[in-house]
Amino acid sequence: MTDPTFAQLVKFYQVVRQAVLMSSYLAFVEKGSNGNLYVHLGRYDNPISRMLLIISPEGELST
């Protein structure tokens, strides 16, 4: 598996920074075989708030 792209790392930093500012809990990050980063976010005290963000190799963010 290859390392994340620079664009993915920049977007990941932005996502994590926003999560910290919102007092969210970052569950985990995984890299898929298609090159996407899958960021699982959610508040530890509210399971309904959990979400999956997808960062493409080009740094595009989707849910």
C-alpha atoms as a PDB file:
ATOM      1  CA  MET A   1       0.000   0.000   0.000  1.00  0.00           C
ATOM      2  CA  THR A   2       1.305   3.462  -0.836  1.00  0.00           C
ATOM      3  CA  ASP A   3       1.536   6.446   1.488  1.00  0.00           C
ATOM      4  CA  PRO A   4      -1.253   9.048   1.491  1.00  0.00           C
ATOM      5  CA  THR A   5      -0.853  11.863  -1.018  1.00  0.00           C
ATOM      6  CA  PHE A   6       0.076  15.381   0.067  1.00  0.00           C
ATOM      7  CA  ALA A   7      -3.432  16.584  -0.816  1.00  0.00           C
ATOM      8  CA  GLN A   8      -4.932  13.865   1.406  1.00  0.00           C
ATOM      9  CA  LEU A   9      -2.673  14.816   4.305  1.00  0.00           C
ATOM     10  CA  VAL A  10      -3.612  18.492   4.005  1.00  0.00           C
ATOM     11  CA  LYS A  11      -7.334  17.664   3.985  1.00  0.00           C
ATOM     12  CA  PHE A  12      -6.876  15.180   6.846  1.00  0.00           C
ATOM     13  CA  TYR A  13      -5.182  17.905   8.903  1.00  0.00           C
ATOM     14  CA  GLN A  14      -8.090  20.268   8.216  1.00  0.00           C
ATOM     15  CA  VAL A  15     -10.644  17.622   9.206  1.00  0.00           C
ATOM     16  CA  VAL A  16      -8.823  16.664  12.406  1.00  0.00           C
ATOM     17  CA  ARG A  17      -8.286  20.302  13.381  1.00  0.00           C
ATOM     18  CA  GLN A  18     -12.001  20.992  12.960  1.00  0.00           C
ATOM     19  CA  ALA A  19     -12.858  17.859  14.953  1.00  0.00           C
ATOM     20  CA  VAL A  20     -10.642  18.983  17.826  1.00  0.00           C
ATOM     21  CA  LEU A  21     -12.158  22.466  17.767  1.00  0.00           C
ATOM     22  CA  MET A  22     -15.630  20.909  17.990  1.00  0.00           C
ATOM     23  CA  SER A  23     -14.515  18.606  20.831  1.00  0.00           C
ATOM     24  CA  SER A  24     -15.250  15.592  18.671  1.00  0.00           C
ATOM     25  CA  TYR A  25     -13.624  12.256  19.050  1.00  0.00           C
ATOM     26  CA  LEU A  26     -11.572  10.924  16.167  1.00  0.00           C
ATOM     27  CA  ALA A  27     -12.223   7.197  16.099  1.00  0.00           C
ATOM     28  CA  PHE A  28      -9.755   6.024  13.471  1.00  0.00           C
ATOM     29  CA  VAL A  29      -8.409   6.458   9.969  1.00  0.00           C
ATOM     30  CA  GLU A  30      -7.825   3.760   7.384  1.00  0.00           C
ATOM     31  CA  LYS A  31      -6.532   3.789   3.835  1.00  0.00           C
ATOM     32  CA  GLY A  32      -8.514   1.783   1.326  1.00  0.00           C
ATOM     33  CA  SER A  33      -7.090  -0.264  -1.517  1.00  0.00           C
ATOM     34  CA  ASN A  34      -8.512   2.374  -3.883  1.00  0.00           C
ATOM     35  CA  GLY A  35      -6.242   5.032  -2.327  1.00  0.00           C
ATOM     36  CA  ASN A  36      -8.969   6.830  -0.371  1.00  0.00           C
ATOM     37  CA  LEU A  37      -8.532   7.757   3.290  1.00  0.00           C
ATOM     38  CA  TYR A  38     -11.557   6.826   5.402  1.00  0.00           C
ATOM     39  CA  VAL A  39     -11.888   9.038   8.489  1.00  0.00           C
ATOM     40  CA  HIS A  40     -14.354   7.802  11.096  1.00  0.00           C
ATOM     41  CA  LEU A  41     -15.435  10.716  13.329  1.00  0.00           C
ATOM     42  CA  GLY A  42     -17.897  10.988  16.141  1.00  0.00           C
ATOM     43  CA  ARG A  43     -18.533  12.288  19.608  1.00  0.00           C
ATOM     44  CA  TYR A  44     -17.891   9.679  22.253  1.00  0.00           C
ATOM     45  CA  ASP A  45     -21.051  10.711  24.120  1.00  0.00           C
ATOM     46  CA  ASN A  46     -23.411  10.717  21.120  1.00  0.00           C
ATOM     47  CA  PRO A  47     -23.429   7.689  18.787  1.00  0.00           C
ATOM     48  CA  ILE A  48     -25.879   9.439  16.437  1.00  0.00           C
ATOM     49  CA  SER A  49     -23.228  12.032  15.597  1.00  0.00           C
ATOM     50  CA  ARG A  50     -20.812   9.487  14.121  1.00  0.00           C
ATOM     51  CA  MET A  51     -19.882   9.946  10.484  1.00  0.00           C
ATOM     52  CA  LEU A  52     -17.558   8.660   7.806  1.00  0.00           C
ATOM     53  CA  LEU A  53     -15.553  11.135   5.733  1.00  0.00           C
ATOM     54  CA  ILE A  54     -13.740  10.058   2.585  1.00  0.00           C
ATOM     55  CA  ILE A  55     -10.647  11.896   1.357  1.00  0.00           C
ATOM     56  CA  SER A  56      -9.672  11.086  -2.230  1.00  0.00           C
ATOM     57  CA  PRO A  57      -6.017  10.985  -3.360  1.00  0.00           C
ATOM     58  CA  GLU A  58      -6.637  14.444  -4.882  1.00  0.00           C
ATOM     59  CA  GLY A  59      -7.692  15.798  -1.465  1.00  0.00           C
ATOM     60  CA  GLU A  60     -11.412  16.019  -2.222  1.00  0.00           C
ATOM     61  CA  LEU A  61     -13.666  15.463   0.774  1.00  0.00           C
ATOM     62  CA  SER A  62     -16.966  13.577   0.634  1.00  0.00           C
ATOM     63  CA  THR A  63     -19.303  11.835   3.056  1.00  0.00           C
END
